[in-house]
């Protein structure tokens, strides 16, 4: 299995730049797993129920949970949108809405190119 990970806009990178090196290396580890493992464990990558085609990458580090929203494109491509640190049981609705908006934007731009 060889998935490719790309970014849509600067949202994920802006989030990533603010993190310390420990969580950055854990995120890199999870990205490598997603790229190479055929069936990524749900612990790391799971679909967001009720949000068409939106997935979340979950990374745990020092009792903190970080979420990175993404989707698949053409089966192999993981498109990263935005990320957040989970502070409560529920994922902040504004982060999910932002990810859905970015997902629509990504496919709209992609369809213009083709």
C-alpha atoms as a PDB file:
ATOM      1  CA  UNK A   1       0.000   0.000   0.000  1.00  0.00           C
ATOM      2  CA  UNK A   2       1.365   3.377  -0.849  1.00  0.00           C
ATOM      3  CA  UNK A   3      -0.879   6.332  -0.100  1.00  0.00           C
ATOM      4  CA  UNK A   4       0.222   9.837  -0.756  1.00  0.00           C
ATOM      5  CA  UNK A   5      -0.462  12.639   1.719  1.00  0.00           C
ATOM      6  CA  UNK A   6      -0.994  16.172   0.456  1.00  0.00           C
ATOM      7  CA  UNK A   7      -2.105  19.405   2.080  1.00  0.00           C
ATOM      8  CA  UNK A   8      -4.930  21.677   1.020  1.00  0.00           C
ATOM      9  CA  UNK A   9      -3.979  25.239   1.852  1.00  0.00           C
ATOM     10  CA  UNK A  10      -1.863  26.231   4.848  1.00  0.00           C
ATOM     11  CA  UNK A  11      -4.329  25.317   7.622  1.00  0.00           C
ATOM     12  CA  UNK A  12      -2.676  22.072   8.691  1.00  0.00           C
ATOM     13  CA  UNK A  13       0.839  23.516   8.427  1.00  0.00           C
ATOM     14  CA  UNK A  14      -0.149  26.535  10.522  1.00  0.00           C
ATOM     15  CA  UNK A  15      -1.427  24.153  13.213  1.00  0.00           C
ATOM     16  CA  UNK A  16       1.618  21.858  12.924  1.00  0.00           C
ATOM     17  CA  UNK A  17       4.190  24.671  13.219  1.00  0.00           C
ATOM     18  CA  UNK A  18       2.891  25.578  16.702  1.00  0.00           C
ATOM     19  CA  UNK A  19       3.413  22.071  18.106  1.00  0.00           C
ATOM     20  CA  UNK A  20       6.467  20.898  20.025  1.00  0.00           C
ATOM     21  CA  UNK A  21       8.916  18.389  18.556  1.00  0.00           C
ATOM     22  CA  UNK A  22       7.543  15.404  20.540  1.00  0.00           C
ATOM     23  CA  UNK A  23       4.059  15.595  19.075  1.00  0.00           C
ATOM     24  CA  UNK A  24       5.452  16.459  15.635  1.00  0.00           C
ATOM     25  CA  UNK A  25       7.432  13.206  15.548  1.00  0.00           C
ATOM     26  CA  UNK A  26       4.363  11.233  16.697  1.00  0.00           C
ATOM     27  CA  UNK A  27       2.307  12.841  13.910  1.00  0.00           C
ATOM     28  CA  UNK A  28       5.039  11.891  11.406  1.00  0.00           C
ATOM     29  CA  UNK A  29       4.917   8.305  12.706  1.00  0.00           C
ATOM     30  CA  UNK A  30       1.133   8.139  12.197  1.00  0.00           C
ATOM     31  CA  UNK A  31       1.480   9.654   8.688  1.00  0.00           C
ATOM     32  CA  UNK A  32       4.014   6.944   7.769  1.00  0.00           C
ATOM     33  CA  UNK A  33       1.596   4.312   9.068  1.00  0.00           C
ATOM     34  CA  UNK A  34      -1.230   5.765   6.964  1.00  0.00           C
ATOM     35  CA  UNK A  35       1.001   5.818   3.869  1.00  0.00           C
ATOM     36  CA  UNK A  36       2.174   2.222   4.212  1.00  0.00           C
ATOM     37  CA  UNK A  37      -0.374   0.056   6.054  1.00  0.00           C
ATOM     38  CA  UNK A  38      -3.224  -1.406   4.015  1.00  0.00           C
ATOM     39  CA  UNK A  39      -5.741  -1.367   6.897  1.00  0.00           C
ATOM     40  CA  UNK A  40      -4.958   1.556   9.182  1.00  0.00           C
ATOM     41  CA  UNK A  41      -6.292   0.863  12.704  1.00  0.00           C
ATOM     42  CA  UNK A  42      -9.395   2.917  13.591  1.00  0.00           C
ATOM     43  CA  UNK A  43      -7.424   4.191  16.573  1.00  0.00           C
ATOM     44  CA  UNK A  44      -5.409   6.308  14.094  1.00  0.00           C
ATOM     45  CA  UNK A  45      -7.783   6.946  11.189  1.00  0.00           C
ATOM     46  CA  UNK A  46     -11.553   6.818  11.331  1.00  0.00           C
ATOM     47  CA  UNK A  47     -14.511   8.184   9.376  1.00  0.00           C
ATOM     48  CA  UNK A  48     -16.483  11.040  10.930  1.00  0.00           C
ATOM     49  CA  UNK A  49     -20.052   9.784  11.271  1.00  0.00           C
ATOM     50  CA  UNK A  50     -22.549  12.024   9.542  1.00  0.00           C
ATOM     51  CA  UNK A  51     -19.917  14.033   7.646  1.00  0.00           C
ATOM     52  CA  UNK A  52     -19.761  12.751   4.091  1.00  0.00           C
ATOM     53  CA  UNK A  53     -16.262  11.473   3.317  1.00  0.00           C
ATOM     54  CA  UNK A  54     -14.547  13.326   6.170  1.00  0.00           C
ATOM     55  CA  UNK A  55     -12.036  11.378   8.257  1.00  0.00           C
ATOM     56  CA  UNK A  56     -10.040  12.205  11.334  1.00  0.00           C
ATOM     57  CA  UNK A  57      -6.484  11.204  12.069  1.00  0.00           C
ATOM     58  CA  UNK A  58      -6.060  10.805  15.830  1.00  0.00           C
ATOM     59  CA  UNK A  59      -2.698  11.184  17.493  1.00  0.00           C
ATOM     60  CA  UNK A  60      -2.246  10.684  21.222  1.00  0.00           C
ATOM     61  CA  UNK A  61       0.758  12.181  22.952  1.00  0.00           C
ATOM     62  CA  UNK A  62       1.362  12.752  26.670  1.00  0.00           C
ATOM     63  CA  UNK A  63      -2.340  12.292  27.537  1.00  0.00           C
ATOM     64  CA  UNK A  64      -3.367  14.841  24.870  1.00  0.00           C
ATOM     65  CA  UNK A  65      -5.316  13.932  21.768  1.00  0.00           C
ATOM     66  CA  UNK A  66      -4.749  15.770  18.500  1.00  0.00           C
ATOM     67  CA  UNK A  67      -7.102  15.500  15.554  1.00  0.00           C
ATOM     68  CA  UNK A  68      -6.304  16.171  11.943  1.00  0.00           C
ATOM     69  CA  UNK A  69      -9.174  16.257   9.480  1.00  0.00           C
ATOM     70  CA  UNK A  70      -8.732  14.761   6.039  1.00  0.00           C
ATOM     71  CA  UNK A  71     -10.382  12.921   3.169  1.00  0.00           C
ATOM     72  CA  UNK A  72      -9.421  10.469   0.481  1.00  0.00           C
ATOM     73  CA  UNK A  73      -9.204  11.356  -3.161  1.00  0.00           C
ATOM     74  CA  UNK A  74      -9.032   8.645  -5.836  1.00  0.00           C
ATOM     75  CA  UNK A  75      -8.631   6.020  -3.118  1.00  0.00           C
ATOM     76  CA  UNK A  76      -4.967   6.622  -2.370  1.00  0.00           C
ATOM     77  CA  UNK A  77      -4.594  10.282  -1.623  1.00  0.00           C
ATOM     78  CA  UNK A  78      -5.031  11.636   1.883  1.00  0.00           C
ATOM     79  CA  UNK A  79      -5.790  15.345   1.759  1.00  0.00           C
ATOM     80  CA  UNK A  80      -5.108  17.124   5.050  1.00  0.00           C
ATOM     81  CA  UNK A  81      -7.236  20.101   5.998  1.00  0.00           C
ATOM     82  CA  UNK A  82      -6.949  21.373   9.553  1.00  0.00           C
ATOM     83  CA  UNK A  83      -6.031  20.122  13.010  1.00  0.00           C
ATOM     84  CA  UNK A  84      -6.855  20.775  16.637  1.00  0.00           C
ATOM     85  CA  UNK A  85      -5.999  19.595  20.096  1.00  0.00           C
ATOM     86  CA  UNK A  86      -8.939  17.804  21.640  1.00  0.00           C
ATOM     87  CA  UNK A  87      -9.771  19.355  24.983  1.00  0.00           C
ATOM     88  CA  UNK A  88     -13.203  17.817  25.605  1.00  0.00           C
ATOM     89  CA  UNK A  89     -15.066  14.615  24.724  1.00  0.00           C
ATOM     90  CA  UNK A  90     -16.722  16.238  21.725  1.00  0.00           C
ATOM     91  CA  UNK A  91     -14.809  17.509  18.726  1.00  0.00           C
ATOM     92  CA  UNK A  92     -15.456  21.252  18.377  1.00  0.00           C
ATOM     93  CA  UNK A  93     -18.174  21.719  15.765  1.00  0.00           C
ATOM     94  CA  UNK A  94     -16.395  24.756  14.291  1.00  0.00           C
ATOM     95  CA  UNK A  95     -13.330  22.566  13.511  1.00  0.00           C
ATOM     96  CA  UNK A  96     -15.515  19.985  11.744  1.00  0.00           C
ATOM     97  CA  UNK A  97     -17.351  22.714   9.831  1.00  0.00           C
ATOM     98  CA  UNK A  98     -14.016  24.255   8.817  1.00  0.00           C
ATOM     99  CA  UNK A  99     -12.818  20.847   7.572  1.00  0.00           C
ATOM    100  CA  UNK A 100     -16.018  20.301   5.568  1.00  0.00           C
ATOM    101  CA  UNK A 101     -15.659  23.769   4.020  1.00  0.00           C
ATOM    102  CA  UNK A 102     -12.033  23.032   3.096  1.00  0.00           C
ATOM    103  CA  UNK A 103     -13.015  19.654   1.635  1.00  0.00           C
ATOM    104  CA  UNK A 104     -15.627  21.295  -0.628  1.00  0.00           C
ATOM    105  CA  UNK A 105     -13.099  23.945  -1.624  1.00  0.00           C
ATOM    106  CA  UNK A 106     -10.480  21.276  -2.462  1.00  0.00           C
ATOM    107  CA  UNK A 107     -12.789  19.313  -4.790  1.00  0.00           C
ATOM    108  CA  UNK A 108     -14.143  22.492  -6.379  1.00  0.00           C
ATOM    109  CA  UNK A 109     -10.591  23.652  -7.214  1.00  0.00           C
ATOM    110  CA  UNK A 110      -9.611  20.177  -8.399  1.00  0.00           C
ATOM    111  CA  UNK A 111     -12.625  19.942 -10.733  1.00  0.00           C
ATOM    112  CA  UNK A 112     -11.779  23.338 -12.254  1.00  0.00           C
ATOM    113  CA  UNK A 113      -8.318  22.030 -13.192  1.00  0.00           C
ATOM    114  CA  UNK A 114      -9.576  18.912 -14.966  1.00  0.00           C
END
